[in-house]
Amino acid sequence: MSNLLATTDKAGVSRPLYVVQVRKNHLRKKALMTRRGQCISALFFMLAGCVTLPPRHTASVTAVSGNICIRVPAQQGERLDWMEIMESDKPSSTIIHYDVANPIWVAAEACLPVKGFHFVAGKSYTVLIATVTNAKDAHQYESTFTTGQGLTVIQE
């Protein structure tokens, strides 16, 4: 036997002590790197926080001349960005995008255009509307309603 110190590993094999030390150091570094990665990930998610959506305001829905009229309490200079119409018994929804090049300005007393969407009597709908005032200000509106005979509206 030489002057090197030896130790026995878990498998019962006698190895020089420096090999065992190198292996322990490698495992220790690997554990530290794993913990460091987990800490960085946790820190990232804590700093990122949750995305907060703007509050949804209530849109009003009425029947006007046999058609559904959707109105929002708009501010001066507010334009339509998009509208989503969801029918309760359908898995998909209809999303209507409004052209930025030809903006549709929203007035509080005017009905919003639904671009040919056909509301059916006896169905329940949820309408989500997004408007934009400028590059930073956006508003969302929502209304849930049921259409009765002759397209009367029962707002929920």
N, C-alpha and C. Protein backbone atom coordinates (compact mmCIF):
# COMPACT_ATOMS: atom_id res chain seq x y z
N MET A 1 0.84 -1.17 0.00
CA MET A 1 0.00 0.00 0.00
C MET A 1 0.89 1.23 0.00
N SER A 2 0.47 2.25 -0.67
CA SER A 2 1.27 3.47 -0.76
C SER A 2 0.97 4.39 0.40
N ASN A 3 1.58 5.59 0.37
CA ASN A 3 1.38 6.56 1.43
C ASN A 3 0.06 7.30 1.31
N LEU A 4 -0.70 7.06 0.23
CA LEU A 4 -1.98 7.75 0.04
C LEU A 4 -3.03 7.19 0.98
N LEU A 5 -3.79 8.08 1.52
CA LEU A 5 -4.90 7.63 2.36
C LEU A 5 -6.00 7.09 1.46
N ALA A 6 -6.68 6.08 1.93
CA ALA A 6 -7.74 5.47 1.13
C ALA A 6 -9.01 5.40 1.96
N THR A 7 -10.10 5.28 1.26
CA THR A 7 -11.40 5.13 1.90
C THR A 7 -12.23 4.17 1.08
N THR A 8 -13.26 3.64 1.67
CA THR A 8 -14.12 2.70 0.98
C THR A 8 -15.42 3.41 0.63
N ASP A 9 -15.83 3.30 -0.64
CA ASP A 9 -17.08 3.95 -1.05
C ASP A 9 -18.27 3.03 -0.76
N LYS A 10 -19.46 3.45 -1.15
CA LYS A 10 -20.68 2.71 -0.86
C LYS A 10 -20.69 1.32 -1.48
N ALA A 11 -20.01 1.17 -2.59
CA ALA A 11 -19.97 -0.13 -3.27
C ALA A 11 -18.93 -1.06 -2.66
N GLY A 12 -18.20 -0.59 -1.65
CA GLY A 12 -17.20 -1.42 -1.00
C GLY A 12 -15.86 -1.40 -1.69
N VAL A 13 -15.69 -0.48 -2.65
CA VAL A 13 -14.43 -0.38 -3.38
C VAL A 13 -13.52 0.61 -2.66
N SER A 14 -12.27 0.21 -2.48
CA SER A 14 -11.31 1.08 -1.83
C SER A 14 -10.76 2.05 -2.87
N ARG A 15 -10.88 3.33 -2.59
CA ARG A 15 -10.42 4.36 -3.52
C ARG A 15 -9.50 5.32 -2.77
N PRO A 16 -8.58 5.94 -3.50
CA PRO A 16 -7.74 6.95 -2.85
C PRO A 16 -8.61 8.11 -2.36
N LEU A 17 -8.22 8.71 -1.27
CA LEU A 17 -9.02 9.74 -0.62
C LEU A 17 -9.24 10.95 -1.52
N TYR A 18 -8.23 11.33 -2.33
CA TYR A 18 -8.41 12.51 -3.18
C TYR A 18 -9.52 12.29 -4.21
N VAL A 19 -9.74 11.07 -4.69
CA VAL A 19 -10.83 10.79 -5.64
C VAL A 19 -12.17 11.00 -4.95
N VAL A 20 -12.27 10.55 -3.72
CA VAL A 20 -13.51 10.71 -2.96
C VAL A 20 -13.77 12.19 -2.71
N GLN A 21 -12.71 12.94 -2.36
CA GLN A 21 -12.87 14.37 -2.10
C GLN A 21 -13.32 15.11 -3.36
N VAL A 22 -12.72 14.77 -4.50
CA VAL A 22 -13.10 15.42 -5.76
C VAL A 22 -14.56 15.13 -6.06
N ARG A 23 -14.96 13.89 -5.87
CA ARG A 23 -16.36 13.52 -6.15
C ARG A 23 -17.32 14.26 -5.21
N LYS A 24 -16.97 14.34 -3.92
CA LYS A 24 -17.82 15.06 -2.96
C LYS A 24 -17.92 16.54 -3.34
N ASN A 25 -16.79 17.13 -3.72
CA ASN A 25 -16.80 18.53 -4.13
C ASN A 25 -17.68 18.74 -5.36
N HIS A 26 -17.60 17.80 -6.31
CA HIS A 26 -18.42 17.90 -7.52
C HIS A 26 -19.91 17.84 -7.16
N LEU A 27 -20.28 16.91 -6.30
CA LEU A 27 -21.68 16.79 -5.90
C LEU A 27 -22.14 18.02 -5.12
N ARG A 28 -21.25 18.56 -4.28
CA ARG A 28 -21.59 19.76 -3.52
C ARG A 28 -21.83 20.95 -4.46
N LYS A 29 -20.96 21.10 -5.48
CA LYS A 29 -21.13 22.18 -6.46
C LYS A 29 -22.42 22.01 -7.24
N LYS A 30 -22.72 20.78 -7.61
CA LYS A 30 -23.94 20.50 -8.37
C LYS A 30 -25.18 20.87 -7.54
N ALA A 31 -25.16 20.52 -6.25
CA ALA A 31 -26.28 20.85 -5.37
C ALA A 31 -26.42 22.36 -5.21
N LEU A 32 -25.28 23.07 -5.07
CA LEU A 32 -25.33 24.52 -4.96
C LEU A 32 -25.88 25.17 -6.23
N MET A 33 -25.46 24.67 -7.39
CA MET A 33 -25.96 25.22 -8.66
C MET A 33 -27.46 24.99 -8.79
N THR A 34 -27.93 23.81 -8.38
CA THR A 34 -29.36 23.53 -8.45
C THR A 34 -30.13 24.47 -7.53
N ARG A 35 -29.64 24.64 -6.29
CA ARG A 35 -30.31 25.56 -5.36
C ARG A 35 -30.27 26.99 -5.87
N ARG A 36 -29.14 27.39 -6.46
CA ARG A 36 -29.01 28.74 -7.00
C ARG A 36 -30.03 28.95 -8.12
N GLY A 37 -30.17 27.95 -9.00
CA GLY A 37 -31.14 28.05 -10.10
C GLY A 37 -32.56 28.15 -9.58
N GLN A 38 -32.87 27.38 -8.54
CA GLN A 38 -34.21 27.43 -7.96
C GLN A 38 -34.47 28.79 -7.32
N CYS A 39 -33.47 29.33 -6.63
CA CYS A 39 -33.62 30.65 -5.99
C CYS A 39 -33.82 31.74 -7.04
N ILE A 40 -33.06 31.67 -8.12
CA ILE A 40 -33.21 32.68 -9.18
C ILE A 40 -34.59 32.58 -9.81
N SER A 41 -35.08 31.36 -10.03
CA SER A 41 -36.42 31.18 -10.60
C SER A 41 -37.47 31.74 -9.66
N ALA A 42 -37.36 31.43 -8.37
CA ALA A 42 -38.33 31.93 -7.39
C ALA A 42 -38.28 33.46 -7.33
N LEU A 43 -37.09 34.03 -7.35
CA LEU A 43 -36.94 35.48 -7.31
C LEU A 43 -37.57 36.12 -8.55
N PHE A 44 -37.36 35.52 -9.71
CA PHE A 44 -37.94 36.05 -10.94
C PHE A 44 -39.46 36.10 -10.85
N PHE A 45 -40.08 35.01 -10.41
CA PHE A 45 -41.54 34.97 -10.34
C PHE A 45 -42.08 35.91 -9.26
N MET A 46 -41.33 36.10 -8.17
CA MET A 46 -41.78 37.03 -7.15
C MET A 46 -41.71 38.47 -7.66
N LEU A 47 -40.67 38.79 -8.42
CA LEU A 47 -40.54 40.14 -8.95
C LEU A 47 -41.52 40.41 -10.08
N ALA A 48 -41.80 39.37 -10.88
CA ALA A 48 -42.70 39.55 -12.02
C ALA A 48 -44.12 39.80 -11.54
N GLY A 49 -44.53 39.16 -10.49
CA GLY A 49 -45.88 39.35 -9.96
C GLY A 49 -46.93 38.81 -10.91
N CYS A 50 -48.15 39.17 -10.61
CA CYS A 50 -49.27 38.73 -11.42
C CYS A 50 -49.67 39.85 -12.38
N VAL A 51 -50.12 39.46 -13.53
CA VAL A 51 -50.61 40.44 -14.49
C VAL A 51 -52.00 40.86 -14.04
N THR A 52 -52.21 42.15 -13.90
CA THR A 52 -53.53 42.62 -13.51
C THR A 52 -54.24 43.18 -14.72
N LEU A 53 -55.44 42.74 -14.92
CA LEU A 53 -56.24 43.23 -16.02
C LEU A 53 -57.02 44.45 -15.56
N PRO A 54 -57.31 45.35 -16.47
CA PRO A 54 -58.10 46.51 -16.07
C PRO A 54 -59.49 46.05 -15.65
N PRO A 55 -60.14 46.79 -14.77
CA PRO A 55 -61.49 46.39 -14.34
C PRO A 55 -62.47 46.48 -15.50
N ARG A 56 -63.45 45.60 -15.50
CA ARG A 56 -64.46 45.61 -16.55
C ARG A 56 -65.65 46.43 -16.07
N HIS A 57 -66.03 47.37 -16.90
CA HIS A 57 -67.20 48.19 -16.63
C HIS A 57 -68.41 47.52 -17.27
N THR A 58 -69.59 47.96 -16.90
CA THR A 58 -70.81 47.35 -17.41
C THR A 58 -71.27 48.05 -18.68
N ALA A 59 -71.57 47.23 -19.69
CA ALA A 59 -72.17 47.74 -20.93
C ALA A 59 -73.68 47.53 -20.81
N SER A 60 -74.44 48.39 -21.44
CA SER A 60 -75.90 48.21 -21.42
C SER A 60 -76.36 47.63 -22.74
N VAL A 61 -77.34 46.75 -22.67
CA VAL A 61 -77.88 46.10 -23.86
C VAL A 61 -79.39 46.31 -23.85
N THR A 62 -79.90 46.80 -24.96
CA THR A 62 -81.34 47.01 -25.12
C THR A 62 -81.76 46.53 -26.50
N ALA A 63 -83.07 46.44 -26.68
CA ALA A 63 -83.61 46.12 -28.00
C ALA A 63 -84.11 47.41 -28.63
N VAL A 64 -83.67 47.70 -29.84
CA VAL A 64 -84.08 48.91 -30.56
C VAL A 64 -84.51 48.48 -31.96
N SER A 65 -85.78 48.69 -32.26
CA SER A 65 -86.33 48.37 -33.59
C SER A 65 -86.04 46.93 -34.01
N GLY A 66 -86.18 45.99 -33.08
CA GLY A 66 -85.97 44.58 -33.41
C GLY A 66 -84.51 44.17 -33.51
N ASN A 67 -83.60 45.05 -33.14
CA ASN A 67 -82.17 44.73 -33.15
C ASN A 67 -81.60 44.89 -31.75
N ILE A 68 -80.50 44.25 -31.51
CA ILE A 68 -79.81 44.38 -30.22
C ILE A 68 -78.90 45.60 -30.29
N CYS A 69 -79.00 46.45 -29.27
CA CYS A 69 -78.19 47.67 -29.20
C CYS A 69 -77.28 47.58 -27.97
N ILE A 70 -75.98 47.60 -28.21
CA ILE A 70 -75.00 47.54 -27.13
C ILE A 70 -74.38 48.92 -26.99
N ARG A 71 -74.42 49.45 -25.76
CA ARG A 71 -73.87 50.78 -25.49
C ARG A 71 -72.87 50.69 -24.34
N VAL A 72 -71.86 51.54 -24.39
CA VAL A 72 -70.89 51.62 -23.29
C VAL A 72 -70.80 53.08 -22.84
N PRO A 73 -70.55 53.30 -21.55
CA PRO A 73 -70.39 54.67 -21.06
C PRO A 73 -69.02 55.22 -21.43
N ALA A 74 -68.87 55.59 -22.67
CA ALA A 74 -67.57 55.97 -23.22
C ALA A 74 -67.16 57.38 -22.82
N GLN A 75 -65.85 57.60 -22.88
CA GLN A 75 -65.29 58.92 -22.67
C GLN A 75 -64.99 59.56 -24.01
N GLN A 76 -64.68 60.83 -24.00
CA GLN A 76 -64.33 61.55 -25.21
C GLN A 76 -63.08 60.93 -25.83
N GLY A 77 -63.10 60.67 -27.13
CA GLY A 77 -61.93 60.16 -27.84
C GLY A 77 -61.69 58.67 -27.67
N GLU A 78 -62.70 57.93 -27.26
CA GLU A 78 -62.55 56.48 -27.08
C GLU A 78 -62.97 55.78 -28.37
N ARG A 79 -62.14 54.85 -28.85
CA ARG A 79 -62.47 54.12 -30.08
C ARG A 79 -62.56 52.63 -29.80
N LEU A 80 -63.32 51.93 -30.63
CA LEU A 80 -63.47 50.48 -30.49
C LEU A 80 -62.18 49.79 -30.92
N ASP A 81 -61.77 48.80 -30.15
CA ASP A 81 -60.61 47.99 -30.50
C ASP A 81 -61.08 46.60 -30.95
N TRP A 82 -61.86 45.93 -30.10
CA TRP A 82 -62.42 44.63 -30.47
C TRP A 82 -63.66 44.35 -29.63
N MET A 83 -64.43 43.38 -30.10
CA MET A 83 -65.62 42.93 -29.38
C MET A 83 -65.68 41.41 -29.50
N GLU A 84 -65.97 40.75 -28.39
CA GLU A 84 -66.13 39.30 -28.39
C GLU A 84 -67.55 38.98 -27.96
N ILE A 85 -68.24 38.19 -28.77
CA ILE A 85 -69.62 37.79 -28.47
C ILE A 85 -69.62 36.28 -28.25
N MET A 86 -70.04 35.88 -27.05
CA MET A 86 -70.08 34.45 -26.71
C MET A 86 -71.52 34.02 -26.50
N GLU A 87 -71.91 32.98 -27.20
CA GLU A 87 -73.24 32.40 -27.01
C GLU A 87 -73.09 31.27 -26.01
N SER A 88 -74.00 31.21 -25.02
CA SER A 88 -73.81 30.28 -23.90
C SER A 88 -73.73 28.82 -24.30
N ASP A 89 -74.44 28.40 -25.34
CA ASP A 89 -74.43 26.98 -25.69
C ASP A 89 -73.45 26.63 -26.81
N LYS A 90 -72.56 27.54 -27.17
CA LYS A 90 -71.54 27.26 -28.19
C LYS A 90 -70.16 27.32 -27.54
N PRO A 91 -69.29 26.38 -27.91
CA PRO A 91 -67.95 26.37 -27.30
C PRO A 91 -67.04 27.49 -27.81
N SER A 92 -67.33 28.02 -28.99
CA SER A 92 -66.48 29.07 -29.54
C SER A 92 -67.19 30.41 -29.47
N SER A 93 -66.45 31.46 -29.74
CA SER A 93 -67.02 32.80 -29.71
C SER A 93 -66.70 33.52 -31.01
N THR A 94 -67.37 34.64 -31.20
CA THR A 94 -67.12 35.48 -32.37
C THR A 94 -66.34 36.70 -31.91
N ILE A 95 -65.20 36.93 -32.52
CA ILE A 95 -64.38 38.09 -32.17
C ILE A 95 -64.37 39.03 -33.36
N ILE A 96 -64.75 40.26 -33.10
CA ILE A 96 -64.81 41.28 -34.14
C ILE A 96 -63.69 42.29 -33.86
N HIS A 97 -62.78 42.43 -34.80
CA HIS A 97 -61.70 43.42 -34.68
C HIS A 97 -62.08 44.65 -35.50
N TYR A 98 -61.80 45.81 -34.95
CA TYR A 98 -62.10 47.06 -35.64
C TYR A 98 -60.81 47.68 -36.14
N ASP A 99 -60.84 48.18 -37.35
CA ASP A 99 -59.66 48.68 -38.05
C ASP A 99 -59.15 49.97 -37.41
N VAL A 100 -57.86 50.00 -37.13
CA VAL A 100 -57.23 51.19 -36.54
C VAL A 100 -57.17 52.31 -37.57
N ALA A 101 -57.00 51.96 -38.85
CA ALA A 101 -56.91 52.97 -39.91
C ALA A 101 -58.24 53.70 -40.09
N ASN A 102 -59.35 53.01 -39.86
CA ASN A 102 -60.68 53.62 -39.93
C ASN A 102 -61.36 53.45 -38.58
N PRO A 103 -60.96 54.25 -37.59
CA PRO A 103 -61.47 54.04 -36.23
C PRO A 103 -62.97 54.29 -36.11
N ILE A 104 -63.58 53.51 -35.24
CA ILE A 104 -64.99 53.72 -34.90
C ILE A 104 -65.00 54.35 -33.52
N TRP A 105 -65.36 55.62 -33.48
CA TRP A 105 -65.38 56.37 -32.23
C TRP A 105 -66.66 56.04 -31.48
N VAL A 106 -66.53 55.86 -30.18
CA VAL A 106 -67.65 55.44 -29.35
C VAL A 106 -68.31 56.67 -28.75
N ALA A 107 -69.63 56.72 -28.87
CA ALA A 107 -70.42 57.76 -28.22
C ALA A 107 -71.35 57.06 -27.23
N ALA A 108 -71.56 57.67 -26.08
CA ALA A 108 -72.32 57.03 -25.01
C ALA A 108 -73.75 56.68 -25.42
N GLU A 109 -74.35 57.45 -26.31
CA GLU A 109 -75.75 57.22 -26.68
C GLU A 109 -75.90 56.36 -27.94
N ALA A 110 -74.81 56.05 -28.62
CA ALA A 110 -74.89 55.32 -29.89
C ALA A 110 -74.71 53.82 -29.68
N CYS A 111 -75.40 53.04 -30.53
CA CYS A 111 -75.25 51.58 -30.52
C CYS A 111 -73.92 51.21 -31.18
N LEU A 112 -73.25 50.22 -30.63
CA LEU A 112 -71.99 49.76 -31.21
C LEU A 112 -72.27 48.84 -32.38
N PRO A 113 -71.49 48.95 -33.46
CA PRO A 113 -71.70 48.06 -34.61
C PRO A 113 -71.22 46.64 -34.29
N VAL A 114 -72.02 45.65 -34.67
CA VAL A 114 -71.65 44.25 -34.44
C VAL A 114 -71.27 43.55 -35.74
N LYS A 115 -71.08 44.30 -36.80
CA LYS A 115 -70.61 43.81 -38.11
C LYS A 115 -71.32 42.55 -38.57
N GLY A 116 -72.63 42.59 -38.58
CA GLY A 116 -73.41 41.49 -39.15
C GLY A 116 -73.64 40.31 -38.23
N PHE A 117 -73.24 40.37 -36.96
CA PHE A 117 -73.53 39.26 -36.06
C PHE A 117 -75.03 39.19 -35.85
N HIS A 118 -75.57 37.98 -35.91
CA HIS A 118 -77.02 37.78 -35.80
C HIS A 118 -77.36 37.20 -34.43
N PHE A 119 -78.07 37.98 -33.62
CA PHE A 119 -78.55 37.51 -32.32
C PHE A 119 -79.84 36.73 -32.54
N VAL A 120 -79.99 35.61 -31.83
CA VAL A 120 -81.15 34.74 -31.97
C VAL A 120 -81.98 34.82 -30.70
N ALA A 121 -83.31 34.89 -30.86
CA ALA A 121 -84.22 34.95 -29.72
C ALA A 121 -84.11 33.67 -28.89
N GLY A 122 -84.17 33.83 -27.57
CA GLY A 122 -84.13 32.68 -26.67
C GLY A 122 -82.73 32.21 -26.31
N LYS A 123 -81.71 32.93 -26.68
CA LYS A 123 -80.32 32.54 -26.40
C LYS A 123 -79.71 33.49 -25.36
N SER A 124 -78.70 32.98 -24.65
CA SER A 124 -77.96 33.80 -23.68
C SER A 124 -76.61 34.17 -24.28
N TYR A 125 -76.20 35.41 -24.06
CA TYR A 125 -74.96 35.92 -24.62
C TYR A 125 -74.15 36.64 -23.55
N THR A 126 -72.85 36.64 -23.75
CA THR A 126 -71.94 37.49 -23.00
C THR A 126 -71.14 38.28 -24.02
N VAL A 127 -71.08 39.58 -23.83
CA VAL A 127 -70.36 40.46 -24.75
C VAL A 127 -69.22 41.13 -23.99
N LEU A 128 -68.01 41.02 -24.53
CA LEU A 128 -66.85 41.72 -23.99
C LEU A 128 -66.41 42.75 -25.02
N ILE A 129 -66.16 43.96 -24.57
CA ILE A 129 -65.80 45.05 -25.48
C ILE A 129 -64.54 45.72 -24.96
N ALA A 130 -63.60 45.98 -25.86
CA ALA A 130 -62.37 46.70 -25.50
C ALA A 130 -62.32 47.99 -26.30
N THR A 131 -62.06 49.07 -25.59
CA THR A 131 -61.91 50.37 -26.24
C THR A 131 -60.54 50.93 -25.88
N VAL A 132 -60.06 51.84 -26.71
CA VAL A 132 -58.76 52.46 -26.51
C VAL A 132 -58.93 53.97 -26.60
N THR A 133 -58.34 54.68 -25.63
CA THR A 133 -58.39 56.14 -25.67
C THR A 133 -57.11 56.68 -26.30
N ASN A 134 -55.99 56.18 -25.87
CA ASN A 134 -54.69 56.53 -26.46
C ASN A 134 -53.79 55.31 -26.32
N ALA A 135 -52.52 55.48 -26.52
CA ALA A 135 -51.61 54.33 -26.51
C ALA A 135 -51.57 53.63 -25.15
N LYS A 136 -51.90 54.33 -24.08
CA LYS A 136 -51.79 53.74 -22.75
C LYS A 136 -53.12 53.45 -22.07
N ASP A 137 -54.17 54.11 -22.45
CA ASP A 137 -55.45 53.95 -21.76
C ASP A 137 -56.39 53.04 -22.53
N ALA A 138 -56.83 51.99 -21.88
CA ALA A 138 -57.79 51.07 -22.48
C ALA A 138 -58.87 50.78 -21.45
N HIS A 139 -60.05 50.49 -21.93
CA HIS A 139 -61.17 50.14 -21.06
C HIS A 139 -61.80 48.85 -21.56
N GLN A 140 -62.33 48.07 -20.63
CA GLN A 140 -63.06 46.87 -21.00
C GLN A 140 -64.46 46.96 -20.42
N TYR A 141 -65.41 46.50 -21.22
CA TYR A 141 -66.81 46.50 -20.82
C TYR A 141 -67.36 45.09 -21.00
N GLU A 142 -68.37 44.75 -20.20
CA GLU A 142 -68.93 43.41 -20.25
C GLU A 142 -70.43 43.48 -19.97
N SER A 143 -71.16 42.60 -20.63
CA SER A 143 -72.58 42.46 -20.36
C SER A 143 -73.01 41.04 -20.65
N THR A 144 -73.85 40.50 -19.79
CA THR A 144 -74.44 39.18 -20.00
C THR A 144 -75.95 39.38 -20.06
N PHE A 145 -76.56 38.82 -21.10
CA PHE A 145 -77.99 39.02 -21.29
C PHE A 145 -78.60 37.84 -22.02
N THR A 146 -79.92 37.76 -21.96
CA THR A 146 -80.69 36.73 -22.67
C THR A 146 -81.67 37.45 -23.58
N THR A 147 -81.83 36.93 -24.79
CA THR A 147 -82.79 37.51 -25.72
C THR A 147 -84.11 36.75 -25.59
N GLY A 148 -85.19 37.51 -25.54
CA GLY A 148 -86.52 36.91 -25.47
C GLY A 148 -87.18 36.93 -26.84
N GLN A 149 -88.48 36.67 -26.87
CA GLN A 149 -89.23 36.71 -28.12
C GLN A 149 -89.18 38.11 -28.71
N GLY A 150 -89.02 38.20 -30.01
CA GLY A 150 -88.94 39.50 -30.67
C GLY A 150 -87.67 40.25 -30.32
N LEU A 151 -86.66 39.53 -29.87
CA LEU A 151 -85.37 40.09 -29.45
C LEU A 151 -85.50 41.12 -28.33
N THR A 152 -86.39 40.85 -27.39
CA THR A 152 -86.38 41.66 -26.18
C THR A 152 -85.17 41.23 -25.36
N VAL A 153 -84.70 42.09 -24.49
CA VAL A 153 -83.47 41.82 -23.75
C VAL A 153 -83.76 41.69 -22.27
N ILE A 154 -83.26 40.61 -21.69
CA ILE A 154 -83.31 40.42 -20.25
C ILE A 154 -81.86 40.46 -19.78
N GLN A 155 -81.47 41.59 -19.20
CA GLN A 155 -80.08 41.77 -18.80
C GLN A 155 -79.85 41.11 -17.45
N GLU A 156 -78.75 40.37 -17.34
CA GLU A 156 -78.43 39.65 -16.09
C GLU A 156 -77.48 40.43 -15.24
